[in-house]
């Protein structure tokens, strides 16, 4: 009875390949390196036709949505500069700058009307 050879799960005899160094991803808002937890933010909200997504820390994502409504985000350019320039966000960015990549803390209510 003939049997097909089983495929190897691992080739112990192969030469190790050069590890391709992937560029380190950074947060769209704070520009710190991303850790294990990554969320995806739509600079133009999906409800307003936005399709592009950018990687952000969860704490940065919460901060964006606490200080901006979807209507406000839709009117802004799809770059982070106008968001970073808002006073409360600028204070947050200064505070979070030296925190580790996976740092997380409750965010304060931004005083945004809902």
C-alpha atoms as a PDB file:
ATOM      1  CA  UNK A   1       0.000   0.000   0.000  1.00  0.00           C
ATOM      2  CA  UNK A   2       1.526   3.303  -1.110  1.00  0.00           C
ATOM      3  CA  UNK A   3       1.264   6.366   1.153  1.00  0.00           C
ATOM      4  CA  UNK A   4       2.140   9.908   0.252  1.00  0.00           C
ATOM      5  CA  UNK A   5       4.949  11.358   2.357  1.00  0.00           C
ATOM      6  CA  UNK A   6       3.786  13.628   5.146  1.00  0.00           C
ATOM      7  CA  UNK A   7       4.685  17.266   4.909  1.00  0.00           C
ATOM      8  CA  UNK A   8       7.181  18.560   7.426  1.00  0.00           C
ATOM      9  CA  UNK A   9       5.930  21.146   9.826  1.00  0.00           C
ATOM     10  CA  UNK A  10       9.371  22.583  10.301  1.00  0.00           C
ATOM     11  CA  UNK A  11      12.522  22.321   8.226  1.00  0.00           C
ATOM     12  CA  UNK A  12      15.296  21.838  10.766  1.00  0.00           C
ATOM     13  CA  UNK A  13      17.898  21.643   8.042  1.00  0.00           C
ATOM     14  CA  UNK A  14      17.151  24.862   6.213  1.00  0.00           C
ATOM     15  CA  UNK A  15      19.474  27.813   6.478  1.00  0.00           C
ATOM     16  CA  UNK A  16      18.033  30.516   8.741  1.00  0.00           C
ATOM     17  CA  UNK A  17      16.710  33.351   6.649  1.00  0.00           C
ATOM     18  CA  UNK A  18      17.549  36.923   7.412  1.00  0.00           C
ATOM     19  CA  UNK A  19      14.787  38.215   9.631  1.00  0.00           C
ATOM     20  CA  UNK A  20      12.925  40.905   7.769  1.00  0.00           C
ATOM     21  CA  UNK A  21      12.825  43.852  10.115  1.00  0.00           C
ATOM     22  CA  UNK A  22       9.373  45.366   9.896  1.00  0.00           C
ATOM     23  CA  UNK A  23       9.282  49.095  10.470  1.00  0.00           C
ATOM     24  CA  UNK A  24       7.992  49.849  13.935  1.00  0.00           C
ATOM     25  CA  UNK A  25       4.444  51.140  13.770  1.00  0.00           C
ATOM     26  CA  UNK A  26       3.717  54.376  15.565  1.00  0.00           C
ATOM     27  CA  UNK A  27       0.508  55.897  16.838  1.00  0.00           C
ATOM     28  CA  UNK A  28      -1.101  58.348  14.433  1.00  0.00           C
ATOM     29  CA  UNK A  29      -1.902  60.788  17.251  1.00  0.00           C
ATOM     30  CA  UNK A  30       0.981  60.689  19.746  1.00  0.00           C
ATOM     31  CA  UNK A  31       3.684  59.159  17.497  1.00  0.00           C
ATOM     32  CA  UNK A  32       4.832  56.766  20.247  1.00  0.00           C
ATOM     33  CA  UNK A  33       5.587  53.163  19.231  1.00  0.00           C
ATOM     34  CA  UNK A  34       2.536  50.913  19.346  1.00  0.00           C
ATOM     35  CA  UNK A  35       2.378  47.998  21.757  1.00  0.00           C
ATOM     36  CA  UNK A  36       0.231  44.874  21.802  1.00  0.00           C
ATOM     37  CA  UNK A  37      -3.081  46.755  21.961  1.00  0.00           C
ATOM     38  CA  UNK A  38      -3.828  48.597  18.735  1.00  0.00           C
ATOM     39  CA  UNK A  39      -7.070  50.256  17.738  1.00  0.00           C
ATOM     40  CA  UNK A  40      -7.914  51.624  14.312  1.00  0.00           C
ATOM     41  CA  UNK A  41      -9.261  55.165  13.979  1.00  0.00           C
ATOM     42  CA  UNK A  42     -11.059  56.560  10.935  1.00  0.00           C
ATOM     43  CA  UNK A  43      -9.782  60.170  10.510  1.00  0.00           C
ATOM     44  CA  UNK A  44     -12.955  60.797   8.498  1.00  0.00           C
ATOM     45  CA  UNK A  45     -15.709  58.901  10.353  1.00  0.00           C
ATOM     46  CA  UNK A  46     -17.251  55.912   8.589  1.00  0.00           C
ATOM     47  CA  UNK A  47     -20.645  57.550   9.064  1.00  0.00           C
ATOM     48  CA  UNK A  48     -19.357  60.426   6.920  1.00  0.00           C
ATOM     49  CA  UNK A  49     -17.936  58.206   4.160  1.00  0.00           C
ATOM     50  CA  UNK A  50     -14.433  57.707   5.549  1.00  0.00           C
ATOM     51  CA  UNK A  51     -12.634  54.510   4.616  1.00  0.00           C
ATOM     52  CA  UNK A  52      -9.030  55.129   5.616  1.00  0.00           C
ATOM     53  CA  UNK A  53      -7.910  53.800   9.000  1.00  0.00           C
ATOM     54  CA  UNK A  54      -4.870  54.705  11.076  1.00  0.00           C
ATOM     55  CA  UNK A  55      -3.355  52.825  14.047  1.00  0.00           C
ATOM     56  CA  UNK A  56      -3.674  54.420  17.486  1.00  0.00           C
ATOM     57  CA  UNK A  57      -3.240  53.452  21.127  1.00  0.00           C
ATOM     58  CA  UNK A  58      -6.561  52.753  22.877  1.00  0.00           C
ATOM     59  CA  UNK A  59      -5.978  55.697  25.236  1.00  0.00           C
ATOM     60  CA  UNK A  60      -5.288  58.008  22.277  1.00  0.00           C
ATOM     61  CA  UNK A  61      -8.416  56.775  20.495  1.00  0.00           C
ATOM     62  CA  UNK A  62     -10.521  57.493  23.572  1.00  0.00           C
ATOM     63  CA  UNK A  63      -9.008  60.960  23.838  1.00  0.00           C
ATOM     64  CA  UNK A  64      -9.864  61.789  20.218  1.00  0.00           C
ATOM     65  CA  UNK A  65     -13.489  60.792  20.645  1.00  0.00           C
ATOM     66  CA  UNK A  66     -13.830  62.536  23.989  1.00  0.00           C
ATOM     67  CA  UNK A  67     -12.821  65.871  22.513  1.00  0.00           C
ATOM     68  CA  UNK A  68     -14.310  65.692  19.008  1.00  0.00           C
ATOM     69  CA  UNK A  69     -17.710  64.714  17.650  1.00  0.00           C
ATOM     70  CA  UNK A  70     -17.978  62.832  14.357  1.00  0.00           C
ATOM     71  CA  UNK A  71     -19.213  66.048  12.736  1.00  0.00           C
ATOM     72  CA  UNK A  72     -16.106  67.897  13.916  1.00  0.00           C
ATOM     73  CA  UNK A  73     -13.806  65.093  12.769  1.00  0.00           C
ATOM     74  CA  UNK A  74     -15.482  65.067   9.342  1.00  0.00           C
ATOM     75  CA  UNK A  75     -14.744  68.790   8.896  1.00  0.00           C
ATOM     76  CA  UNK A  76     -11.057  68.462   9.839  1.00  0.00           C
ATOM     77  CA  UNK A  77      -8.317  67.470   7.401  1.00  0.00           C
ATOM     78  CA  UNK A  78      -7.392  63.779   7.664  1.00  0.00           C
ATOM     79  CA  UNK A  79      -4.056  64.587   9.294  1.00  0.00           C
ATOM     80  CA  UNK A  80      -3.493  64.664  13.074  1.00  0.00           C
ATOM     81  CA  UNK A  81      -2.186  68.245  13.372  1.00  0.00           C
ATOM     82  CA  UNK A  82      -5.539  70.001  14.014  1.00  0.00           C
ATOM     83  CA  UNK A  83      -6.427  67.394  16.631  1.00  0.00           C
ATOM     84  CA  UNK A  84      -3.044  67.753  18.332  1.00  0.00           C
ATOM     85  CA  UNK A  85      -3.476  71.538  18.452  1.00  0.00           C
ATOM     86  CA  UNK A  86      -6.618  71.452  20.596  1.00  0.00           C
ATOM     87  CA  UNK A  87      -5.506  72.591  24.073  1.00  0.00           C
ATOM     88  CA  UNK A  88      -6.843  69.592  26.008  1.00  0.00           C
ATOM     89  CA  UNK A  89      -5.355  67.120  23.508  1.00  0.00           C
ATOM     90  CA  UNK A  90      -2.002  68.957  23.559  1.00  0.00           C
ATOM     91  CA  UNK A  91      -1.924  68.609  27.364  1.00  0.00           C
ATOM     92  CA  UNK A  92      -2.771  64.911  27.036  1.00  0.00           C
ATOM     93  CA  UNK A  93       0.023  64.407  24.474  1.00  0.00           C
ATOM     94  CA  UNK A  94       2.545  66.089  26.741  1.00  0.00           C
ATOM     95  CA  UNK A  95       1.430  63.886  29.654  1.00  0.00           C
ATOM     96  CA  UNK A  96       1.426  60.596  27.704  1.00  0.00           C
ATOM     97  CA  UNK A  97       4.713  61.221  25.846  1.00  0.00           C
ATOM     98  CA  UNK A  98       6.922  59.214  28.230  1.00  0.00           C
ATOM     99  CA  UNK A  99       4.452  56.445  29.050  1.00  0.00           C
ATOM    100  CA  UNK A 100       5.073  52.854  27.879  1.00  0.00           C
ATOM    101  CA  UNK A 101       3.414  51.701  24.651  1.00  0.00           C
ATOM    102  CA  UNK A 102       0.688  49.659  26.356  1.00  0.00           C
ATOM    103  CA  UNK A 103      -0.017  52.224  29.074  1.00  0.00           C
ATOM    104  CA  UNK A 104      -3.696  52.675  29.748  1.00  0.00           C
ATOM    105  CA  UNK A 105      -5.610  54.807  32.244  1.00  0.00           C
ATOM    106  CA  UNK A 106      -9.190  56.037  32.420  1.00  0.00           C
ATOM    107  CA  UNK A 107      -9.652  59.190  30.392  1.00  0.00           C
ATOM    108  CA  UNK A 108     -11.520  62.171  31.787  1.00  0.00           C
ATOM    109  CA  UNK A 109     -14.777  63.303  30.275  1.00  0.00           C
ATOM    110  CA  UNK A 110     -13.780  65.973  27.781  1.00  0.00           C
ATOM    111  CA  UNK A 111     -16.801  68.120  28.499  1.00  0.00           C
ATOM    112  CA  UNK A 112     -18.159  67.318  25.051  1.00  0.00           C
ATOM    113  CA  UNK A 113     -21.899  67.714  24.666  1.00  0.00           C
ATOM    114  CA  UNK A 114     -23.615  64.494  23.648  1.00  0.00           C
END
